[in-house]
Amino acid sequence: MSKQLDRIMQISDKGYVDDFDDIEEILEHFLSYTVETLTCVLPPGYKMQEFADNIVRKLGNIELESGSTNYTDTLRLSDLLCIMRYFEVFFSDSDHILLSYMKNLWNNIISLKVLPWAELFFVISVDSLMEFFTSKTGSLEYMENCWRICISAKKYAAFEMTKETTLKMLLDGICGDLFASWNPGFDTDEYIDKIENCCLIVKQVFVDGIAAYYYSRFDIFELSKSIEGKVIKFDKLNDYCDDDDDEIYELPF
């Protein structure tokens, strides 16, 4: 693995990763980090285990043994993201609840810079990432998603994206508005709208993009067994339908 890592670390002067083979390798390693690994490298005060526990219990409807933390060494970052996708797929009115997780997700993800595969993850071009998903699945959904990210970043965070914009540049670019404090004279509705739309950008990257791509490999019932829990009975409030729309979305750059 060290040779693979060294090879990819030798990024060209362009300063971003856009090669599909490199993107695939980076994602596989980055998303395989366990909650336990992530918890160990996060700064003091970051409650990654509590964040993961909340996602497992409330979004995954998985009931763990009382006080159990045994799952953290098996639960991967990809599992957390796919549980969010699972919640979106099977439960109506999920957007508002999912958006409430995005600030915490941003905070935890952006603080993983010390991990080598996280460092590489951040320099993946957003445009190339969505093109990679499109090439692998044949679905234009991901390019539509990229188009929406571009529009929202410009409108709500005054951040202009290009084909070379990396994930870190995007996440840093929306940070000011995502964590903005309200002050007198600032229209309350506009203030809330900016934050919600910045949260939506985070969701579009990690849930509508990355998790959507990996979701076909995800089995929540297998996951519940591996983390020594059980799935609580739930009702499918709505079924997920694939959109066969063939319209091509041109990115605004």
C-alpha atoms as a PDB file:
ATOM      1  CA  MET A   1       0.000   0.000   0.000  1.00  0.00           C
ATOM      2  CA  SER A   2       2.847   2.405   0.752  1.00  0.00           C
ATOM      3  CA  LYS A   3       4.067   2.217  -2.870  1.00  0.00           C
ATOM      4  CA  GLN A   4       0.548   2.925  -4.118  1.00  0.00           C
ATOM      5  CA  LEU A   5       0.249   5.839  -1.720  1.00  0.00           C
ATOM      6  CA  ASP A   6       3.625   7.274  -2.707  1.00  0.00           C
ATOM      7  CA  ARG A   7       2.710   7.020  -6.368  1.00  0.00           C
ATOM      8  CA  ILE A   8      -0.533   8.920  -6.002  1.00  0.00           C
ATOM      9  CA  MET A   9       1.037  11.439  -3.617  1.00  0.00           C
ATOM     10  CA  GLN A  10       3.270  12.554  -6.466  1.00  0.00           C
ATOM     11  CA  ILE A  11       0.539  14.799  -7.814  1.00  0.00           C
ATOM     12  CA  SER A  12       1.438  16.869 -10.842  1.00  0.00           C
ATOM     13  CA  ASP A  13       1.848  20.627 -10.754  1.00  0.00           C
ATOM     14  CA  LYS A  14      -1.820  21.025 -11.585  1.00  0.00           C
ATOM     15  CA  GLY A  15      -2.514  20.378  -7.889  1.00  0.00           C
ATOM     16  CA  TYR A  16      -5.596  18.199  -8.183  1.00  0.00           C
ATOM     17  CA  VAL A  17      -6.494  14.575  -8.910  1.00  0.00           C
ATOM     18  CA  ASP A  18      -8.631  13.863 -11.968  1.00  0.00           C
ATOM     19  CA  ASP A  19      -7.406  10.438 -13.095  1.00  0.00           C
ATOM     20  CA  PHE A  20     -10.251   7.915 -12.689  1.00  0.00           C
ATOM     21  CA  ASP A  21      -7.982   5.067 -11.540  1.00  0.00           C
ATOM     22  CA  ASP A  22      -6.469   7.291  -8.847  1.00  0.00           C
ATOM     23  CA  ILE A  23      -9.887   8.528  -7.765  1.00  0.00           C
ATOM     24  CA  GLU A  24     -11.141   4.963  -7.404  1.00  0.00           C
ATOM     25  CA  GLU A  25      -8.129   3.934  -5.326  1.00  0.00           C
ATOM     26  CA  ILE A  26      -8.319   7.001  -3.094  1.00  0.00           C
ATOM     27  CA  LEU A  27     -12.024   6.530  -2.436  1.00  0.00           C
ATOM     28  CA  GLU A  28     -11.629   2.844  -1.603  1.00  0.00           C
ATOM     29  CA  HIS A  29      -8.961   3.577   1.002  1.00  0.00           C
ATOM     30  CA  PHE A  30     -10.481   6.766   2.419  1.00  0.00           C
ATOM     31  CA  LEU A  31     -13.979   5.328   2.837  1.00  0.00           C
ATOM     32  CA  SER A  32     -12.559   2.189   4.476  1.00  0.00           C
ATOM     33  CA  TYR A  33     -11.311   4.119   7.499  1.00  0.00           C
ATOM     34  CA  THR A  34     -13.224   2.922  10.558  1.00  0.00           C
ATOM     35  CA  VAL A  35     -14.951   5.139  13.103  1.00  0.00           C
ATOM     36  CA  GLU A  36     -12.337   4.019  15.617  1.00  0.00           C
ATOM     37  CA  THR A  37      -9.492   5.160  13.334  1.00  0.00           C
ATOM     38  CA  LEU A  38     -11.184   8.487  12.668  1.00  0.00           C
ATOM     39  CA  THR A  39     -11.860   9.053  16.366  1.00  0.00           C
ATOM     40  CA  CYS A  40      -8.183   8.533  17.211  1.00  0.00           C
ATOM     41  CA  VAL A  41      -6.947  11.274  14.845  1.00  0.00           C
ATOM     42  CA  LEU A  42      -9.623  13.901  15.443  1.00  0.00           C
ATOM     43  CA  PRO A  43      -8.808  16.822  17.772  1.00  0.00           C
ATOM     44  CA  PRO A  44     -10.021  16.674  21.393  1.00  0.00           C
ATOM     45  CA  GLY A  45     -13.684  17.517  21.704  1.00  0.00           C
ATOM     46  CA  TYR A  46     -14.725  15.949  18.412  1.00  0.00           C
ATOM     47  CA  LYS A  47     -17.349  13.332  19.257  1.00  0.00           C
ATOM     48  CA  MET A  48     -17.102  11.074  16.238  1.00  0.00           C
ATOM     49  CA  GLN A  49     -18.349   7.997  18.101  1.00  0.00           C
ATOM     50  CA  GLU A  50     -21.448   9.844  19.305  1.00  0.00           C
ATOM     51  CA  PHE A  51     -22.021  11.153  15.782  1.00  0.00           C
ATOM     52  CA  ALA A  52     -21.745   7.625  14.357  1.00  0.00           C
ATOM     53  CA  ASP A  53     -23.950   6.189  17.105  1.00  0.00           C
ATOM     54  CA  ASN A  54     -26.629   8.753  16.330  1.00  0.00           C
ATOM     55  CA  ILE A  55     -26.560   7.881  12.620  1.00  0.00           C
ATOM     56  CA  VAL A  56     -26.734   4.149  13.334  1.00  0.00           C
ATOM     57  CA  ARG A  57     -29.594   4.414  15.809  1.00  0.00           C
ATOM     58  CA  LYS A  58     -31.745   7.181  14.363  1.00  0.00           C
ATOM     59  CA  LEU A  59     -31.142   6.915  10.625  1.00  0.00           C
ATOM     60  CA  GLY A  60     -30.314   3.221  10.368  1.00  0.00           C
ATOM     61  CA  ASN A  61     -32.985   2.129  12.835  1.00  0.00           C
ATOM     62  CA  ILE A  62     -30.381  -0.225  14.293  1.00  0.00           C
ATOM     63  CA  GLU A  63     -30.682  -0.941  17.985  1.00  0.00           C
ATOM     64  CA  LEU A  64     -27.345  -1.693  19.634  1.00  0.00           C
ATOM     65  CA  GLU A  65     -26.688  -3.367  22.941  1.00  0.00           C
ATOM     66  CA  SER A  66     -26.938  -0.844  25.742  1.00  0.00           C
ATOM     67  CA  GLY A  67     -23.701   1.125  26.067  1.00  0.00           C
ATOM     68  CA  SER A  68     -21.989  -0.922  23.351  1.00  0.00           C
ATOM     69  CA  THR A  69     -19.123   0.714  21.474  1.00  0.00           C
ATOM     70  CA  ASN A  70     -17.808  -2.518  19.962  1.00  0.00           C
ATOM     71  CA  TYR A  71     -19.112  -1.525  16.554  1.00  0.00           C
ATOM     72  CA  THR A  72     -16.681   1.353  16.109  1.00  0.00           C
ATOM     73  CA  ASP A  73     -13.821  -0.880  14.959  1.00  0.00           C
ATOM     74  CA  THR A  74     -15.955  -2.367  12.154  1.00  0.00           C
ATOM     75  CA  LEU A  75     -18.162   0.556  11.139  1.00  0.00           C
ATOM     76  CA  ARG A  76     -16.533   2.368   8.213  1.00  0.00           C
ATOM     77  CA  LEU A  77     -16.958   5.887   6.900  1.00  0.00           C
ATOM     78  CA  SER A  78     -18.689   4.403   3.837  1.00  0.00           C
ATOM     79  CA  ASP A  79     -21.203   2.730   6.166  1.00  0.00           C
ATOM     80  CA  LEU A  80     -22.092   6.052   7.802  1.00  0.00           C
ATOM     81  CA  LEU A  81     -22.649   7.714   4.435  1.00  0.00           C
ATOM     82  CA  CYS A  82     -24.663   4.776   3.082  1.00  0.00           C
ATOM     83  CA  ILE A  83     -26.896   4.766   6.173  1.00  0.00           C
ATOM     84  CA  MET A  84     -27.690   8.392   5.358  1.00  0.00           C
ATOM     85  CA  ARG A  85     -28.514   7.329   1.804  1.00  0.00           C
ATOM     86  CA  TYR A  86     -30.631   4.455   3.134  1.00  0.00           C
ATOM     87  CA  PHE A  87     -32.623   6.909   5.226  1.00  0.00           C
ATOM     88  CA  GLU A  88     -33.155   9.157   2.228  1.00  0.00           C
ATOM     89  CA  VAL A  89     -34.249   6.244   0.019  1.00  0.00           C
ATOM     90  CA  PHE A  90     -36.795   4.693   2.357  1.00  0.00           C
ATOM     91  CA  PHE A  91     -38.206   7.516   4.434  1.00  0.00           C
ATOM     92  CA  SER A  92     -40.234  10.475   3.236  1.00  0.00           C
ATOM     93  CA  ASP A  93     -39.414  14.031   4.331  1.00  0.00           C
ATOM     94  CA  SER A  94     -35.827  12.961   5.003  1.00  0.00           C
ATOM     95  CA  ASP A  95     -34.078  16.057   3.640  1.00  0.00           C
ATOM     96  CA  HIS A  96     -34.611  18.302   6.649  1.00  0.00           C
ATOM     97  CA  ILE A  97     -33.327  15.633   9.043  1.00  0.00           C
ATOM     98  CA  LEU A  98     -30.349  14.774   6.841  1.00  0.00           C
ATOM     99  CA  LEU A  99     -29.369  18.427   6.482  1.00  0.00           C
ATOM    100  CA  SER A 100     -29.175  18.714  10.267  1.00  0.00           C
ATOM    101  CA  TYR A 101     -26.238  16.243  10.162  1.00  0.00           C
ATOM    102  CA  MET A 102     -24.226  18.084   7.535  1.00  0.00           C
ATOM    103  CA  LYS A 103     -22.438  20.655   9.716  1.00  0.00           C
ATOM    104  CA  ASN A 104     -21.165  17.889  11.969  1.00  0.00           C
ATOM    105  CA  LEU A 105     -20.202  15.756   8.966  1.00  0.00           C
ATOM    106  CA  TRP A 106     -18.302  18.706   7.422  1.00  0.00           C
ATOM    107  CA  ASN A 107     -16.529  19.357  10.722  1.00  0.00           C
ATOM    108  CA  ASN A 108     -15.418  15.751  11.162  1.00  0.00           C
ATOM    109  CA  ILE A 109     -14.417  15.180   7.533  1.00  0.00           C
ATOM    110  CA  ILE A 110     -12.398  18.377   7.130  1.00  0.00           C
ATOM    111  CA  SER A 111     -10.485  17.602  10.329  1.00  0.00           C
ATOM    112  CA  LEU A 112      -9.080  14.304   9.016  1.00  0.00           C
ATOM    113  CA  LYS A 113      -6.215  15.967   7.141  1.00  0.00           C
ATOM    114  CA  VAL A 114      -3.564  14.003   9.051  1.00  0.00           C
ATOM    115  CA  LEU A 115      -4.686  10.748   7.442  1.00  0.00           C
ATOM    116  CA  PRO A 116      -2.773  10.178   4.175  1.00  0.00           C
ATOM    117  CA  TRP A 117      -5.762   8.948   2.178  1.00  0.00           C
ATOM    118  CA  ALA A 118      -7.854  11.830   3.528  1.00  0.00           C
ATOM    119  CA  GLU A 119      -5.217  14.274   2.297  1.00  0.00           C
ATOM    120  CA  LEU A 120      -5.502  12.765  -1.169  1.00  0.00           C
ATOM    121  CA  PHE A 121      -9.297  12.680  -0.988  1.00  0.00           C
ATOM    122  CA  PHE A 122      -9.392  16.445  -0.510  1.00  0.00           C
ATOM    123  CA  VAL A 123      -7.464  17.136  -3.726  1.00  0.00           C
ATOM    124  CA  ILE A 124      -9.871  15.220  -5.959  1.00  0.00           C
ATOM    125  CA  SER A 125     -11.517  17.526  -8.477  1.00  0.00           C
ATOM    126  CA  VAL A 126     -15.266  17.782  -7.778  1.00  0.00           C
ATOM    127  CA  ASP A 127     -16.026  17.768 -11.488  1.00  0.00           C
ATOM    128  CA  SER A 128     -13.814  14.715 -12.088  1.00  0.00           C
ATOM    129  CA  LEU A 129     -15.369  12.902  -9.117  1.00  0.00           C
ATOM    130  CA  MET A 130     -18.861  13.251 -10.564  1.00  0.00           C
ATOM    131  CA  GLU A 131     -17.583  12.333 -14.037  1.00  0.00           C
ATOM    132  CA  PHE A 132     -16.009   9.226 -12.503  1.00  0.00           C
ATOM    133  CA  PHE A 133     -19.356   8.203 -10.985  1.00  0.00           C
ATOM    134  CA  THR A 134     -21.062   8.855 -14.318  1.00  0.00           C
ATOM    135  CA  SER A 135     -18.528   6.753 -16.234  1.00  0.00           C
ATOM    136  CA  LYS A 136     -18.945   3.846 -13.815  1.00  0.00           C
ATOM    137  CA  THR A 137     -22.742   3.884 -13.682  1.00  0.00           C
ATOM    138  CA  GLY A 138     -23.794   5.438 -16.970  1.00  0.00           C
ATOM    139  CA  SER A 139     -26.134   7.715 -15.005  1.00  0.00           C
ATOM    140  CA  LEU A 140     -26.263  11.443 -15.726  1.00  0.00           C
ATOM    141  CA  GLU A 141     -27.628  11.951 -12.211  1.00  0.00           C
ATOM    142  CA  TYR A 142     -24.118  12.701 -10.963  1.00  0.00           C
ATOM    143  CA  MET A 143     -23.407  15.433 -13.518  1.00  0.00           C
ATOM    144  CA  GLU A 144     -26.772  16.979 -12.693  1.00  0.00           C
ATOM    145  CA  ASN A 145     -25.677  16.854  -9.054  1.00  0.00           C
ATOM    146  CA  CYS A 146     -22.407  18.619  -9.931  1.00  0.00           C
ATOM    147  CA  TRP A 147     -24.321  21.282 -11.818  1.00  0.00           C
ATOM    148  CA  ARG A 148     -26.484  21.918  -8.757  1.00  0.00           C
ATOM    149  CA  ILE A 149     -23.424  22.141  -6.510  1.00  0.00           C
ATOM    150  CA  CYS A 150     -21.912  24.767  -8.824  1.00  0.00           C
ATOM    151  CA  ILE A 151     -25.072  26.862  -8.870  1.00  0.00           C
ATOM    152  CA  SER A 152     -25.628  26.654  -5.110  1.00  0.00           C
ATOM    153  CA  ALA A 153     -21.993  27.436  -4.262  1.00  0.00           C
ATOM    154  CA  LYS A 154     -22.123  30.564  -6.410  1.00  0.00           C
ATOM    155  CA  LYS A 155     -25.551  31.717  -5.238  1.00  0.00           C
ATOM    156  CA  TYR A 156     -25.310  31.041  -1.526  1.00  0.00           C
ATOM    157  CA  ALA A 157     -21.584  31.160  -0.720  1.00  0.00           C
ATOM    158  CA  ALA A 158     -20.345  33.407  -3.548  1.00  0.00           C
ATOM    159  CA  PHE A 159     -17.905  30.641  -4.440  1.00  0.00           C
ATOM    160  CA  GLU A 160     -17.056  30.178  -8.117  1.00  0.00           C
ATOM    161  CA  MET A 161     -16.254  26.605  -9.101  1.00  0.00           C
ATOM    162  CA  THR A 162     -14.104  25.530 -12.028  1.00  0.00           C
ATOM    163  CA  LYS A 163     -13.148  22.132 -13.410  1.00  0.00           C
ATOM    164  CA  GLU A 164     -10.054  22.293 -11.195  1.00  0.00           C
ATOM    165  CA  THR A 165     -11.945  22.969  -7.953  1.00  0.00           C
ATOM    166  CA  THR A 166     -11.003  20.324  -5.396  1.00  0.00           C
ATOM    167  CA  LEU A 167     -13.178  18.922  -2.646  1.00  0.00           C
ATOM    168  CA  LYS A 168     -11.172  20.850  -0.067  1.00  0.00           C
ATOM    169  CA  MET A 169     -11.510  24.100  -2.013  1.00  0.00           C
ATOM    170  CA  LEU A 170     -15.278  23.599  -2.180  1.00  0.00           C
ATOM    171  CA  LEU A 171     -15.633  22.680   1.495  1.00  0.00           C
ATOM    172  CA  ASP A 172     -13.434  25.599   2.539  1.00  0.00           C
ATOM    173  CA  GLY A 173     -15.294  27.891   0.142  1.00  0.00           C
ATOM    174  CA  ILE A 174     -18.677  27.350   1.797  1.00  0.00           C
ATOM    175  CA  CYS A 175     -17.314  27.304   5.359  1.00  0.00           C
ATOM    176  CA  GLY A 176     -17.861  31.008   6.070  1.00  0.00           C
ATOM    177  CA  ASP A 177     -21.559  30.869   5.216  1.00  0.00           C
ATOM    178  CA  LEU A 178     -22.087  27.386   6.648  1.00  0.00           C
ATOM    179  CA  PHE A 179     -20.929  28.501  10.106  1.00  0.00           C
ATOM    180  CA  ALA A 180     -21.920  32.176   9.901  1.00  0.00           C
ATOM    181  CA  SER A 181     -23.254  33.811  13.070  1.00  0.00           C
ATOM    182  CA  TRP A 182     -26.436  35.828  12.918  1.00  0.00           C
ATOM    183  CA  ASN A 183     -26.190  39.519  13.722  1.00  0.00           C
ATOM    184  CA  PRO A 184     -28.837  42.244  14.009  1.00  0.00           C
ATOM    185  CA  GLY A 185     -29.724  43.711  10.669  1.00  0.00           C
ATOM    186  CA  PHE A 186     -29.175  40.439   8.810  1.00  0.00           C
ATOM    187  CA  ASP A 187     -32.438  39.149   7.380  1.00  0.00           C
ATOM    188  CA  THR A 188     -33.299  36.003   9.362  1.00  0.00           C
ATOM    189  CA  ASP A 189     -34.840  34.123   6.440  1.00  0.00           C
ATOM    190  CA  GLU A 190     -31.846  34.868   4.221  1.00  0.00           C
ATOM    191  CA  TYR A 191     -29.467  33.811   6.992  1.00  0.00           C
ATOM    192  CA  ILE A 192     -31.225  30.460   7.473  1.00  0.00           C
ATOM    193  CA  ASP A 193     -31.539  29.954   3.721  1.00  0.00           C
ATOM    194  CA  LYS A 194     -27.781  30.370   3.213  1.00  0.00           C
ATOM    195  CA  ILE A 195     -26.941  27.838   5.927  1.00  0.00           C
ATOM    196  CA  GLU A 196     -29.490  25.292   4.696  1.00  0.00           C
ATOM    197  CA  ASN A 197     -28.201  25.551   1.146  1.00  0.00           C
ATOM    198  CA  CYS A 198     -24.583  25.194   2.260  1.00  0.00           C
ATOM    199  CA  CYS A 199     -25.661  22.093   4.195  1.00  0.00           C
ATOM    200  CA  LEU A 200     -27.314  20.910   0.990  1.00  0.00           C
ATOM    201  CA  ILE A 201     -23.997  21.257  -0.871  1.00  0.00           C
ATOM    202  CA  VAL A 202     -22.312  19.004   1.715  1.00  0.00           C
ATOM    203  CA  LYS A 203     -25.164  16.523   1.298  1.00  0.00           C
ATOM    204  CA  GLN A 204     -24.880  16.645  -2.494  1.00  0.00           C
ATOM    205  CA  VAL A 205     -21.200  15.726  -2.282  1.00  0.00           C
ATOM    206  CA  PHE A 206     -21.338  13.000   0.363  1.00  0.00           C
ATOM    207  CA  VAL A 207     -24.874  11.566   0.224  1.00  0.00           C
ATOM    208  CA  ASP A 208     -26.146  12.274  -3.300  1.00  0.00           C
ATOM    209  CA  GLY A 209     -22.710  11.674  -4.804  1.00  0.00           C
ATOM    210  CA  ILE A 210     -20.377   9.354  -2.893  1.00  0.00           C
ATOM    211  CA  ALA A 211     -22.993   7.406  -0.916  1.00  0.00           C
ATOM    212  CA  ALA A 212     -25.284   7.055  -3.943  1.00  0.00           C
ATOM    213  CA  TYR A 213     -22.429   5.463  -5.891  1.00  0.00           C
ATOM    214  CA  TYR A 214     -21.530   2.989  -3.132  1.00  0.00           C
ATOM    215  CA  TYR A 215     -25.108   2.274  -2.086  1.00  0.00           C
ATOM    216  CA  SER A 216     -25.530  -0.693  -4.463  1.00  0.00           C
ATOM    217  CA  ARG A 217     -22.883  -2.553  -2.414  1.00  0.00           C
ATOM    218  CA  PHE A 218     -24.483  -1.663   0.906  1.00  0.00           C
ATOM    219  CA  ASP A 219     -26.641  -4.075   2.913  1.00  0.00           C
ATOM    220  CA  ILE A 220     -27.978  -2.621   6.136  1.00  0.00           C
ATOM    221  CA  PHE A 221     -29.020  -6.043   7.416  1.00  0.00           C
ATOM    222  CA  GLU A 222     -25.492  -7.389   7.003  1.00  0.00           C
ATOM    223  CA  LEU A 223     -24.189  -4.253   8.677  1.00  0.00           C
ATOM    224  CA  SER A 224     -26.528  -4.709  11.638  1.00  0.00           C
ATOM    225  CA  LYS A 225     -25.152  -8.221  12.169  1.00  0.00           C
ATOM    226  CA  SER A 226     -21.536  -7.112  11.936  1.00  0.00           C
ATOM    227  CA  ILE A 227     -21.981  -4.454  14.630  1.00  0.00           C
ATOM    228  CA  GLU A 228     -23.844  -6.781  16.978  1.00  0.00           C
ATOM    229  CA  GLY A 229     -27.158  -4.999  16.689  1.00  0.00           C
ATOM    230  CA  LYS A 230     -30.563  -5.723  15.284  1.00  0.00           C
ATOM    231  CA  VAL A 231     -32.737  -3.922  12.777  1.00  0.00           C
ATOM    232  CA  ILE A 232     -35.910  -2.506  14.237  1.00  0.00           C
ATOM    233  CA  LYS A 233     -38.998  -3.149  12.142  1.00  0.00           C
ATOM    234  CA  PHE A 234     -39.708  -0.202   9.874  1.00  0.00           C
ATOM    235  CA  ASP A 235     -42.212   0.774   7.209  1.00  0.00           C
ATOM    236  CA  LYS A 236     -41.124   1.878   3.761  1.00  0.00           C
ATOM    237  CA  LEU A 237     -42.849   5.223   3.530  1.00  0.00           C
ATOM    238  CA  ASN A 238     -41.931   5.670  -0.092  1.00  0.00           C
ATOM    239  CA  ASP A 239     -40.088   3.722  -2.752  1.00  0.00           C
ATOM    240  CA  TYR A 240     -36.995   4.984  -4.506  1.00  0.00           C
ATOM    241  CA  CYS A 241     -37.323   5.239  -8.266  1.00  0.00           C
ATOM    242  CA  ASP A 242     -34.467   5.697 -10.711  1.00  0.00           C
ATOM    243  CA  ASP A 243     -34.785   8.696 -13.000  1.00  0.00           C
ATOM    244  CA  ASP A 244     -34.196   7.759 -16.635  1.00  0.00           C
ATOM    245  CA  ASP A 245     -34.023  11.384 -17.759  1.00  0.00           C
ATOM    246  CA  ASP A 246     -31.487  11.613 -20.577  1.00  0.00           C
ATOM    247  CA  GLU A 247     -31.101  15.381 -20.472  1.00  0.00           C
ATOM    248  CA  ILE A 248     -27.469  16.515 -20.497  1.00  0.00           C
ATOM    249  CA  TYR A 249     -26.577  19.127 -17.890  1.00  0.00           C
ATOM    250  CA  GLU A 250     -23.789  21.483 -18.875  1.00  0.00           C
ATOM    251  CA  LEU A 251     -21.737  22.810 -15.970  1.00  0.00           C
ATOM    252  CA  PRO A 252     -21.562  26.611 -15.579  1.00  0.00           C
ATOM    253  CA  PHE A 253     -17.799  26.916 -16.075  1.00  0.00           C
END
